[in-house]
Amino acid sequence: MSVAKKEYKRITVKSLVEMKSRGEKISMLTAYDYTMAKIVDGAGVDVILVGDSASNVMAGHETTLPITLDQMIYHASSVVRAIDRALVVVDLPFGTYQSDPKEALRSAIRIMKESGGHAVKLEGGKEIKDSIKRILNAGIPVMGHLGLTPQSIYKFGTYTVRAKEEQEAERLREDAKMLEKAGCFAIVLEKIPAALAKEVAESVSIPVIGIGAGDGVDGQVLVVHDMIGMTHEFNPRFLRRYMNLYEDMTNAIGQYVEDVKSQDFPNEKEQY
């Protein structure tokens, strides 16, 4: 069913709540650099997530844990300089908010001041409630993240679907309500059963954005490098590839190498 879209010159946290109330789905993608962010924003994506997944995608780490606050600020500031319309949400990296609400606030302030981002995202529920409240009390918008939380990978042991058992599902429901009550403007639900995600989305007034959480939520998020096929070894069930850029780029670069070796490049028109 199509829903009438409202044209926004600039997406804000308020815009997302309005979109949920109208039944308009929210589009969200990652970006970590100026060039990619320019393309993503120009294509009309509503929210750009400067994710700590940069640790995997840009730096080649196995997990998101190694990326630092300084590195997140670098990526976020590059993205912010590129955008005209999208809301830019920046992940607080592992170790910058879990231990101390004061440290969480300092980390969030640094991101807002030094990158120009519009909001921060934190992983977790009741265990980080005090950190969330401290950040919100300073006037910084917060997006929550429940379900599979990659910063806790060593606790889970695997990137499997979360909240399949009722006890964990009930805890997730409670955490979602807590995030809403605390004042978060949206929640990401990652890799949980579609029926549970739909239930959570219907139970809260704030937007719920899914990744591997079915079609009953208020929006979707993917890692842009996965979606356009720059990566080719990561193939989760929830991923739809819209291009095979890995193959296209490999072929193009291979052709360049061949043209240089054969002295076909540069030709007369490509010289001064």
C-alpha atoms as a PDB file:
ATOM      1  CA  MET A   1       0.000   0.000   0.000  1.00  0.00           C
ATOM      2  CA  SER A   2       1.428   3.367  -1.018  1.00  0.00           C
ATOM      3  CA  VAL A   3       1.394   6.219   1.478  1.00  0.00           C
ATOM      4  CA  ALA A   4       1.486   9.904   0.610  1.00  0.00           C
ATOM      5  CA  LYS A   5       4.993  11.227   1.162  1.00  0.00           C
ATOM      6  CA  LYS A   6       5.731  14.612   2.652  1.00  0.00           C
ATOM      7  CA  GLU A   7       8.709  16.377   1.137  1.00  0.00           C
ATOM      8  CA  TYR A   8      11.218  17.461   3.780  1.00  0.00           C
ATOM      9  CA  LYS A   9      13.994  19.931   3.028  1.00  0.00           C
ATOM     10  CA  ARG A  10      15.814  18.543   6.060  1.00  0.00           C
ATOM     11  CA  ILE A  11      15.041  15.401   8.031  1.00  0.00           C
ATOM     12  CA  THR A  12      14.878  15.842  11.802  1.00  0.00           C
ATOM     13  CA  VAL A  13      13.983  13.527  14.669  1.00  0.00           C
ATOM     14  CA  LYS A  14      10.515  15.089  14.548  1.00  0.00           C
ATOM     15  CA  SER A  15      10.239  14.207  10.847  1.00  0.00           C
ATOM     16  CA  LEU A  16      10.721  10.527  11.638  1.00  0.00           C
ATOM     17  CA  VAL A  17       7.936  10.511  14.221  1.00  0.00           C
ATOM     18  CA  GLU A  18       5.659  12.219  11.686  1.00  0.00           C
ATOM     19  CA  MET A  19       6.557   9.595   9.087  1.00  0.00           C
ATOM     20  CA  LYS A  20       5.619   6.798  11.478  1.00  0.00           C
ATOM     21  CA  SER A  21       2.286   8.449  12.276  1.00  0.00           C
ATOM     22  CA  ARG A  22       1.497   8.680   8.530  1.00  0.00           C
ATOM     23  CA  GLY A  23       2.588   5.119   7.847  1.00  0.00           C
ATOM     24  CA  GLU A  24       5.458   6.249   5.630  1.00  0.00           C
ATOM     25  CA  LYS A  25       8.421   3.884   5.861  1.00  0.00           C
ATOM     26  CA  ILE A  26      11.809   5.301   6.859  1.00  0.00           C
ATOM     27  CA  SER A  27      14.896   4.547   4.763  1.00  0.00           C
ATOM     28  CA  MET A  28      18.270   4.351   6.469  1.00  0.00           C
ATOM     29  CA  LEU A  29      21.727   3.410   5.185  1.00  0.00           C
ATOM     30  CA  THR A  30      25.254   3.614   6.509  1.00  0.00           C
ATOM     31  CA  ALA A  31      27.962   5.901   5.185  1.00  0.00           C
ATOM     32  CA  TYR A  32      31.468   6.468   6.489  1.00  0.00           C
ATOM     33  CA  ASP A  33      33.006   8.978   4.059  1.00  0.00           C
ATOM     34  CA  TYR A  34      32.180  12.150   2.135  1.00  0.00           C
ATOM     35  CA  THR A  35      31.866  10.611  -1.333  1.00  0.00           C
ATOM     36  CA  MET A  36      29.519   7.804  -0.338  1.00  0.00           C
ATOM     37  CA  ALA A  37      27.459  10.087   1.913  1.00  0.00           C
ATOM     38  CA  LYS A  38      26.993  12.541  -0.968  1.00  0.00           C
ATOM     39  CA  ILE A  39      25.529   9.766  -3.113  1.00  0.00           C
ATOM     40  CA  VAL A  40      23.350   8.314  -0.345  1.00  0.00           C
ATOM     41  CA  ASP A  41      21.970  11.720   0.627  1.00  0.00           C
ATOM     42  CA  GLY A  42      21.380  12.703  -2.997  1.00  0.00           C
ATOM     43  CA  ALA A  43      19.394   9.505  -3.565  1.00  0.00           C
ATOM     44  CA  GLY A  44      16.904  10.588  -0.901  1.00  0.00           C
ATOM     45  CA  VAL A  45      17.758   8.340   2.041  1.00  0.00           C
ATOM     46  CA  ASP A  46      16.123   9.683   5.204  1.00  0.00           C
ATOM     47  CA  VAL A  47      18.731   8.712   7.799  1.00  0.00           C
ATOM     48  CA  ILE A  48      22.458   8.134   7.400  1.00  0.00           C
ATOM     49  CA  LEU A  49      24.022   6.010  10.109  1.00  0.00           C
ATOM     50  CA  VAL A  50      27.714   6.525  10.698  1.00  0.00           C
ATOM     51  CA  GLY A  51      27.975   3.067  12.162  1.00  0.00           C
ATOM     52  CA  ASP A  52      30.730   1.483  14.178  1.00  0.00           C
ATOM     53  CA  SER A  53      30.489  -1.108  11.400  1.00  0.00           C
ATOM     54  CA  ALA A  54      33.173   1.116   9.854  1.00  0.00           C
ATOM     55  CA  SER A  55      35.450  -1.058  11.980  1.00  0.00           C
ATOM     56  CA  ASN A  56      34.550  -4.006   9.729  1.00  0.00           C
ATOM     57  CA  VAL A  57      33.845  -2.331   6.408  1.00  0.00           C
ATOM     58  CA  MET A  58      36.518   0.360   6.301  1.00  0.00           C
ATOM     59  CA  ALA A  59      39.257  -1.062   8.531  1.00  0.00           C
ATOM     60  CA  GLY A  60      38.883  -4.817   8.071  1.00  0.00           C
ATOM     61  CA  HIS A  61      38.442  -5.740  11.725  1.00  0.00           C
ATOM     62  CA  GLU A  62      36.515  -8.890  12.610  1.00  0.00           C
ATOM     63  CA  THR A  63      34.260  -7.031  15.086  1.00  0.00           C
ATOM     64  CA  THR A  64      33.095  -3.488  15.785  1.00  0.00           C
ATOM     65  CA  LEU A  65      34.971  -3.352  19.095  1.00  0.00           C
ATOM     66  CA  PRO A  66      38.341  -1.882  17.981  1.00  0.00           C
ATOM     67  CA  ILE A  67      37.048   1.395  16.517  1.00  0.00           C
ATOM     68  CA  THR A  68      37.757   4.437  18.698  1.00  0.00           C
ATOM     69  CA  LEU A  69      35.839   7.602  19.473  1.00  0.00           C
ATOM     70  CA  ASP A  70      38.370   9.683  17.527  1.00  0.00           C
ATOM     71  CA  GLN A  71      37.912   7.443  14.501  1.00  0.00           C
ATOM     72  CA  MET A  72      34.116   7.685  14.728  1.00  0.00           C
ATOM     73  CA  ILE A  73      34.382  11.478  14.871  1.00  0.00           C
ATOM     74  CA  TYR A  74      36.612  11.441  11.780  1.00  0.00           C
ATOM     75  CA  HIS A  75      34.120   9.340   9.803  1.00  0.00           C
ATOM     76  CA  ALA A  76      31.112  11.315  11.043  1.00  0.00           C
ATOM     77  CA  SER A  77      32.592  14.712  10.233  1.00  0.00           C
ATOM     78  CA  SER A  78      33.330  13.499   6.684  1.00  0.00           C
ATOM     79  CA  VAL A  79      29.704  12.414   6.289  1.00  0.00           C
ATOM     80  CA  VAL A  80      28.200  15.579   7.759  1.00  0.00           C
ATOM     81  CA  ARG A  81      30.095  17.754   5.261  1.00  0.00           C
ATOM     82  CA  ALA A  82      28.399  15.862   2.420  1.00  0.00           C
ATOM     83  CA  ILE A  83      24.743  15.953   3.385  1.00  0.00           C
ATOM     84  CA  ASP A  84      21.977  18.422   2.590  1.00  0.00           C
ATOM     85  CA  ARG A  85      18.851  16.544   3.705  1.00  0.00           C
ATOM     86  CA  ALA A  86      19.438  13.360   5.704  1.00  0.00           C
ATOM     87  CA  LEU A  87      19.528  13.044   9.481  1.00  0.00           C
ATOM     88  CA  VAL A  88      22.995  11.883  10.549  1.00  0.00           C
ATOM     89  CA  VAL A  89      23.115   9.439  13.474  1.00  0.00           C
ATOM     90  CA  VAL A  90      26.503   8.449  14.893  1.00  0.00           C
ATOM     91  CA  ASP A  91      27.268   5.277  16.848  1.00  0.00           C
ATOM     92  CA  LEU A  92      28.931   5.658  20.215  1.00  0.00           C
ATOM     93  CA  PRO A  93      31.704   3.045  19.999  1.00  0.00           C
ATOM     94  CA  PHE A  94      32.328   0.262  22.472  1.00  0.00           C
ATOM     95  CA  GLY A  95      33.797   1.409  25.780  1.00  0.00           C
ATOM     96  CA  THR A  96      32.645   5.026  25.563  1.00  0.00           C
ATOM     97  CA  TYR A  97      29.336   4.778  27.428  1.00  0.00           C
ATOM     98  CA  GLN A  98      28.890   1.423  29.175  1.00  0.00           C
ATOM     99  CA  SER A  99      30.808   2.055  32.396  1.00  0.00           C
ATOM    100  CA  ASP A 100      29.886   5.562  33.458  1.00  0.00           C
ATOM    101  CA  PRO A 101      27.034   7.971  32.538  1.00  0.00           C
ATOM    102  CA  LYS A 102      29.440  10.907  32.819  1.00  0.00           C
ATOM    103  CA  GLU A 103      31.795   9.289  30.336  1.00  0.00           C
ATOM    104  CA  ALA A 104      28.822   8.560  28.078  1.00  0.00           C
ATOM    105  CA  LEU A 105      27.854  12.225  28.107  1.00  0.00           C
ATOM    106  CA  ARG A 106      31.421  13.349  27.417  1.00  0.00           C
ATOM    107  CA  SER A 107      31.593  10.956  24.459  1.00  0.00           C
ATOM    108  CA  ALA A 108      28.265  12.140  23.051  1.00  0.00           C
ATOM    109  CA  ILE A 109      29.241  15.797  23.450  1.00  0.00           C
ATOM    110  CA  ARG A 110      32.494  15.201  21.587  1.00  0.00           C
ATOM    111  CA  ILE A 111      30.622  13.580  18.709  1.00  0.00           C
ATOM    112  CA  MET A 112      28.100  16.414  18.480  1.00  0.00           C
ATOM    113  CA  LYS A 113      30.689  19.212  18.772  1.00  0.00           C
ATOM    114  CA  GLU A 114      33.494  17.750  16.696  1.00  0.00           C
ATOM    115  CA  SER A 115      31.569  15.968  13.943  1.00  0.00           C
ATOM    116  CA  GLY A 116      28.409  18.030  13.594  1.00  0.00           C
ATOM    117  CA  GLY A 117      26.270  14.892  13.762  1.00  0.00           C
ATOM    118  CA  HIS A 118      22.609  15.213  14.672  1.00  0.00           C
ATOM    119  CA  ALA A 119      22.136  12.312  17.105  1.00  0.00           C
ATOM    120  CA  VAL A 120      23.919   9.364  18.700  1.00  0.00           C
ATOM    121  CA  LYS A 121      23.060   5.668  18.845  1.00  0.00           C
ATOM    122  CA  LEU A 122      23.727   3.355  21.796  1.00  0.00           C
ATOM    123  CA  GLU A 123      23.363  -0.415  22.038  1.00  0.00           C
ATOM    124  CA  GLY A 124      21.521  -1.931  24.978  1.00  0.00           C
ATOM    125  CA  GLY A 125      18.549  -1.645  27.305  1.00  0.00           C
ATOM    126  CA  LYS A 126      18.104  -1.237  31.038  1.00  0.00           C
ATOM    127  CA  GLU A 127      21.805  -1.732  31.712  1.00  0.00           C
ATOM    128  CA  ILE A 128      22.625   1.593  30.002  1.00  0.00           C
ATOM    129  CA  LYS A 129      19.510   3.515  31.057  1.00  0.00           C
ATOM    130  CA  ASP A 130      21.472   5.999  33.186  1.00  0.00           C
ATOM    131  CA  SER A 131      23.852   6.778  30.323  1.00  0.00           C
ATOM    132  CA  ILE A 132      20.935   7.350  27.956  1.00  0.00           C
ATOM    133  CA  LYS A 133      19.192   9.667  30.401  1.00  0.00           C
ATOM    134  CA  ARG A 134      22.379  11.633  31.026  1.00  0.00           C
ATOM    135  CA  ILE A 135      22.840  12.221  27.300  1.00  0.00           C
ATOM    136  CA  LEU A 136      19.185  13.097  26.735  1.00  0.00           C
ATOM    137  CA  ASN A 137      19.224  15.561  29.635  1.00  0.00           C
ATOM    138  CA  ALA A 138      21.990  17.427  27.814  1.00  0.00           C
ATOM    139  CA  GLY A 139      19.694  17.884  24.815  1.00  0.00           C
ATOM    140  CA  ILE A 140      21.353  15.295  22.592  1.00  0.00           C
ATOM    141  CA  PRO A 141      18.940  13.040  20.642  1.00  0.00           C
ATOM    142  CA  VAL A 142      19.447   9.316  21.234  1.00  0.00           C
ATOM    143  CA  MET A 143      18.542   6.339  19.049  1.00  0.00           C
ATOM    144  CA  GLY A 144      18.380   2.979  20.830  1.00  0.00           C
ATOM    145  CA  HIS A 145      19.495  -0.412  19.508  1.00  0.00           C
ATOM    146  CA  LEU A 146      18.132  -3.771  20.692  1.00  0.00           C
ATOM    147  CA  GLY A 147      18.196  -7.396  19.581  1.00  0.00           C
ATOM    148  CA  LEU A 148      21.528  -8.433  18.147  1.00  0.00           C
ATOM    149  CA  THR A 149      23.942  -5.828  19.492  1.00  0.00           C
ATOM    150  CA  PRO A 150      27.308  -6.358  17.753  1.00  0.00           C
ATOM    151  CA  GLN A 151      29.305  -4.675  20.527  1.00  0.00           C
ATOM    152  CA  SER A 152      28.257  -7.609  22.751  1.00  0.00           C
ATOM    153  CA  ILE A 153      29.345 -10.288  20.281  1.00  0.00           C
ATOM    154  CA  TYR A 154      31.627 -12.017  22.773  1.00  0.00           C
ATOM    155  CA  LYS A 155      28.729 -12.352  25.207  1.00  0.00           C
ATOM    156  CA  PHE A 156      26.465 -13.848  22.532  1.00  0.00           C
ATOM    157  CA  GLY A 157      29.251 -15.851  20.888  1.00  0.00           C
ATOM    158  CA  THR A 158      27.609 -15.690  17.460  1.00  0.00           C
ATOM    159  CA  TYR A 159      25.674 -13.349  15.170  1.00  0.00           C
ATOM    160  CA  THR A 160      22.561 -15.511  15.350  1.00  0.00           C
ATOM    161  CA  VAL A 161      18.934 -14.372  15.571  1.00  0.00           C
ATOM    162  CA  ARG A 162      18.129 -12.988  19.019  1.00  0.00           C
ATOM    163  CA  ALA A 163      14.976 -13.114  21.190  1.00  0.00           C
ATOM    164  CA  LYS A 164      13.634 -16.397  19.832  1.00  0.00           C
ATOM    165  CA  GLU A 165      13.018 -17.603  23.390  1.00  0.00           C
ATOM    166  CA  GLU A 166      10.193 -15.972  25.348  1.00  0.00           C
ATOM    167  CA  GLN A 167      12.375 -14.830  28.243  1.00  0.00           C
ATOM    168  CA  GLU A 168      14.684 -12.832  25.976  1.00  0.00           C
ATOM    169  CA  ALA A 169      11.725 -11.614  23.906  1.00  0.00           C
ATOM    170  CA  GLU A 170      10.002 -10.269  27.019  1.00  0.00           C
ATOM    171  CA  ARG A 171      13.186  -8.512  28.085  1.00  0.00           C
ATOM    172  CA  LEU A 172      13.381  -6.899  24.648  1.00  0.00           C
ATOM    173  CA  ARG A 173       9.765  -5.708  24.898  1.00  0.00           C
ATOM    174  CA  GLU A 174      10.512  -4.162  28.285  1.00  0.00           C
ATOM    175  CA  ASP A 175      13.694  -2.525  27.035  1.00  0.00           C
ATOM    176  CA  ALA A 176      11.865  -1.012  24.055  1.00  0.00           C
ATOM    177  CA  LYS A 177       9.264   0.540  26.353  1.00  0.00           C
ATOM    178  CA  MET A 178      12.049   1.800  28.606  1.00  0.00           C
ATOM    179  CA  LEU A 179      13.847   3.450  25.676  1.00  0.00           C
ATOM    180  CA  GLU A 180      10.612   5.116  24.606  1.00  0.00           C
ATOM    181  CA  LYS A 181       9.880   6.333  28.142  1.00  0.00           C
ATOM    182  CA  ALA A 182      13.443   7.601  28.596  1.00  0.00           C
ATOM    183  CA  GLY A 183      13.016   9.823  25.537  1.00  0.00           C
ATOM    184  CA  CYS A 184      14.796   8.042  22.678  1.00  0.00           C
ATOM    185  CA  PHE A 185      13.505   9.234  19.304  1.00  0.00           C
ATOM    186  CA  ALA A 186      13.826   5.841  17.565  1.00  0.00           C
ATOM    187  CA  ILE A 187      14.996   2.260  18.054  1.00  0.00           C
ATOM    188  CA  VAL A 188      16.944  -0.083  15.787  1.00  0.00           C
ATOM    189  CA  LEU A 189      15.939  -3.743  16.086  1.00  0.00           C
ATOM    190  CA  GLU A 190      18.546  -6.098  14.677  1.00  0.00           C
ATOM    191  CA  LYS A 191      18.085  -9.733  13.697  1.00  0.00           C
ATOM    192  CA  ILE A 192      15.015 -10.716  15.701  1.00  0.00           C
ATOM    193  CA  PRO A 193      11.866 -12.635  14.665  1.00  0.00           C
ATOM    194  CA  ALA A 194       9.620 -10.583  12.380  1.00  0.00           C
ATOM    195  CA  ALA A 195       6.513 -11.152  14.505  1.00  0.00           C
ATOM    196  CA  LEU A 196       8.242  -9.828  17.624  1.00  0.00           C
ATOM    197  CA  ALA A 197       9.606  -6.804  15.771  1.00  0.00           C
ATOM    198  CA  LYS A 198       6.123  -5.974  14.465  1.00  0.00           C
ATOM    199  CA  GLU A 199       4.709  -6.294  17.974  1.00  0.00           C
ATOM    200  CA  VAL A 200       7.336  -3.935  19.378  1.00  0.00           C
ATOM    201  CA  ALA A 201       6.824  -1.394  16.589  1.00  0.00           C
ATOM    202  CA  GLU A 202       3.089  -1.347  17.294  1.00  0.00           C
ATOM    203  CA  SER A 203       3.618  -1.011  21.046  1.00  0.00           C
ATOM    204  CA  VAL A 204       5.702   2.177  20.977  1.00  0.00           C
ATOM    205  CA  SER A 205       5.030   5.626  19.561  1.00  0.00           C
ATOM    206  CA  ILE A 206       8.585   6.146  18.303  1.00  0.00           C
ATOM    207  CA  PRO A 207       9.890   4.757  14.996  1.00  0.00           C
ATOM    208  CA  VAL A 208      11.343   1.252  14.995  1.00  0.00           C
ATOM    209  CA  ILE A 209      13.871   0.624  12.232  1.00  0.00           C
ATOM    210  CA  GLY A 210      14.775  -2.943  11.418  1.00  0.00           C
ATOM    211  CA  ILE A 211      17.740  -4.823  10.048  1.00  0.00           C
ATOM    212  CA  GLY A 212      16.813  -8.453   9.687  1.00  0.00           C
ATOM    213  CA  ALA A 213      13.598  -7.736  11.599  1.00  0.00           C
ATOM    214  CA  GLY A 214      10.928  -8.247   8.947  1.00  0.00           C
ATOM    215  CA  ASP A 215       8.532  -5.865   7.240  1.00  0.00           C
ATOM    216  CA  GLY A 216       6.294  -4.951  10.184  1.00  0.00           C
ATOM    217  CA  VAL A 217       8.595  -2.215  11.464  1.00  0.00           C
ATOM    218  CA  ASP A 218       8.629   1.491  10.576  1.00  0.00           C
ATOM    219  CA  GLY A 219      11.733   1.472   8.405  1.00  0.00           C
ATOM    220  CA  GLN A 220      14.765  -0.459   7.233  1.00  0.00           C
ATOM    221  CA  VAL A 221      18.531  -0.050   7.529  1.00  0.00           C
ATOM    222  CA  LEU A 222      21.351  -1.808   5.698  1.00  0.00           C
ATOM    223  CA  VAL A 223      25.095  -1.359   5.395  1.00  0.00           C
ATOM    224  CA  VAL A 224      25.469   0.447   2.075  1.00  0.00           C
ATOM    225  CA  HIS A 225      28.546  -1.542   1.011  1.00  0.00           C
ATOM    226  CA  ASP A 226      26.524  -4.751   1.399  1.00  0.00           C
ATOM    227  CA  MET A 227      23.468  -3.354  -0.377  1.00  0.00           C
ATOM    228  CA  ILE A 228      25.393  -2.237  -3.475  1.00  0.00           C
ATOM    229  CA  GLY A 229      27.472  -5.405  -3.569  1.00  0.00           C
ATOM    230  CA  MET A 230      30.909  -3.970  -2.798  1.00  0.00           C
ATOM    231  CA  THR A 231      31.222  -6.748  -0.249  1.00  0.00           C
ATOM    232  CA  HIS A 232      30.644 -10.272  -1.502  1.00  0.00           C
ATOM    233  CA  GLU A 233      31.451 -12.669   1.353  1.00  0.00           C
ATOM    234  CA  PHE A 234      28.712 -11.446   3.734  1.00  0.00           C
ATOM    235  CA  ASN A 235      25.402 -13.047   2.739  1.00  0.00           C
ATOM    236  CA  PRO A 236      22.824 -12.964   5.542  1.00  0.00           C
ATOM    237  CA  ARG A 237      19.235 -13.871   4.769  1.00  0.00           C
ATOM    238  CA  PHE A 238      18.023 -10.294   5.340  1.00  0.00           C
ATOM    239  CA  LEU A 239      20.354  -8.703   2.771  1.00  0.00           C
ATOM    240  CA  ARG A 240      19.108  -7.674  -0.660  1.00  0.00           C
ATOM    241  CA  ARG A 241      21.872  -6.726  -3.091  1.00  0.00           C
ATOM    242  CA  TYR A 242      20.806  -4.051  -5.566  1.00  0.00           C
ATOM    243  CA  MET A 243      24.071  -4.185  -7.530  1.00  0.00           C
ATOM    244  CA  ASN A 244      27.143  -6.367  -7.899  1.00  0.00           C
ATOM    245  CA  LEU A 245      29.638  -3.551  -7.556  1.00  0.00           C
ATOM    246  CA  TYR A 246      32.425  -5.886  -6.458  1.00  0.00           C
ATOM    247  CA  GLU A 247      32.367  -7.588  -9.844  1.00  0.00           C
ATOM    248  CA  ASP A 248      31.884  -4.337 -11.779  1.00  0.00           C
ATOM    249  CA  MET A 249      34.771  -2.615  -9.992  1.00  0.00           C
ATOM    250  CA  THR A 250      37.055  -5.631 -10.323  1.00  0.00           C
ATOM    251  CA  ASN A 251      36.371  -5.753 -14.072  1.00  0.00           C
ATOM    252  CA  ALA A 252      36.883  -2.003 -14.491  1.00  0.00           C
ATOM    253  CA  ILE A 253      40.160  -1.979 -12.566  1.00  0.00           C
ATOM    254  CA  GLY A 254      41.335  -5.057 -14.438  1.00  0.00           C
ATOM    255  CA  GLN A 255      40.594  -3.284 -17.727  1.00  0.00           C
ATOM    256  CA  TYR A 256      42.586  -0.248 -16.539  1.00  0.00           C
ATOM    257  CA  VAL A 257      45.573  -2.468 -15.721  1.00  0.00           C
ATOM    258  CA  GLU A 258      45.346  -4.075 -19.155  1.00  0.00           C
ATOM    259  CA  ASP A 259      45.103  -0.685 -20.891  1.00  0.00           C
ATOM    260  CA  VAL A 260      48.153   0.643 -19.039  1.00  0.00           C
ATOM    261  CA  LYS A 261      50.216  -2.465 -19.799  1.00  0.00           C
ATOM    262  CA  SER A 262      49.258  -2.382 -23.494  1.00  0.00           C
ATOM    263  CA  GLN A 263      49.845   1.391 -23.692  1.00  0.00           C
ATOM    264  CA  ASP A 264      46.254   1.924 -24.786  1.00  0.00           C
ATOM    265  CA  PHE A 265      45.885   4.398 -21.906  1.00  0.00           C
ATOM    266  CA  PRO A 266      46.373   7.287 -22.186  1.00  0.00           C
ATOM    267  CA  ASN A 267      45.476   7.851 -25.845  1.00  0.00           C
ATOM    268  CA  GLU A 268      45.970  11.113 -27.760  1.00  0.00           C
ATOM    269  CA  LYS A 269      42.689  12.623 -26.519  1.00  0.00           C
ATOM    270  CA  GLU A 270      43.718  11.960 -22.909  1.00  0.00           C
ATOM    271  CA  GLN A 271      46.930  13.976 -23.086  1.00  0.00           C
ATOM    272  CA  TYR A 272      47.796  17.705 -22.958  1.00  0.00           C
END
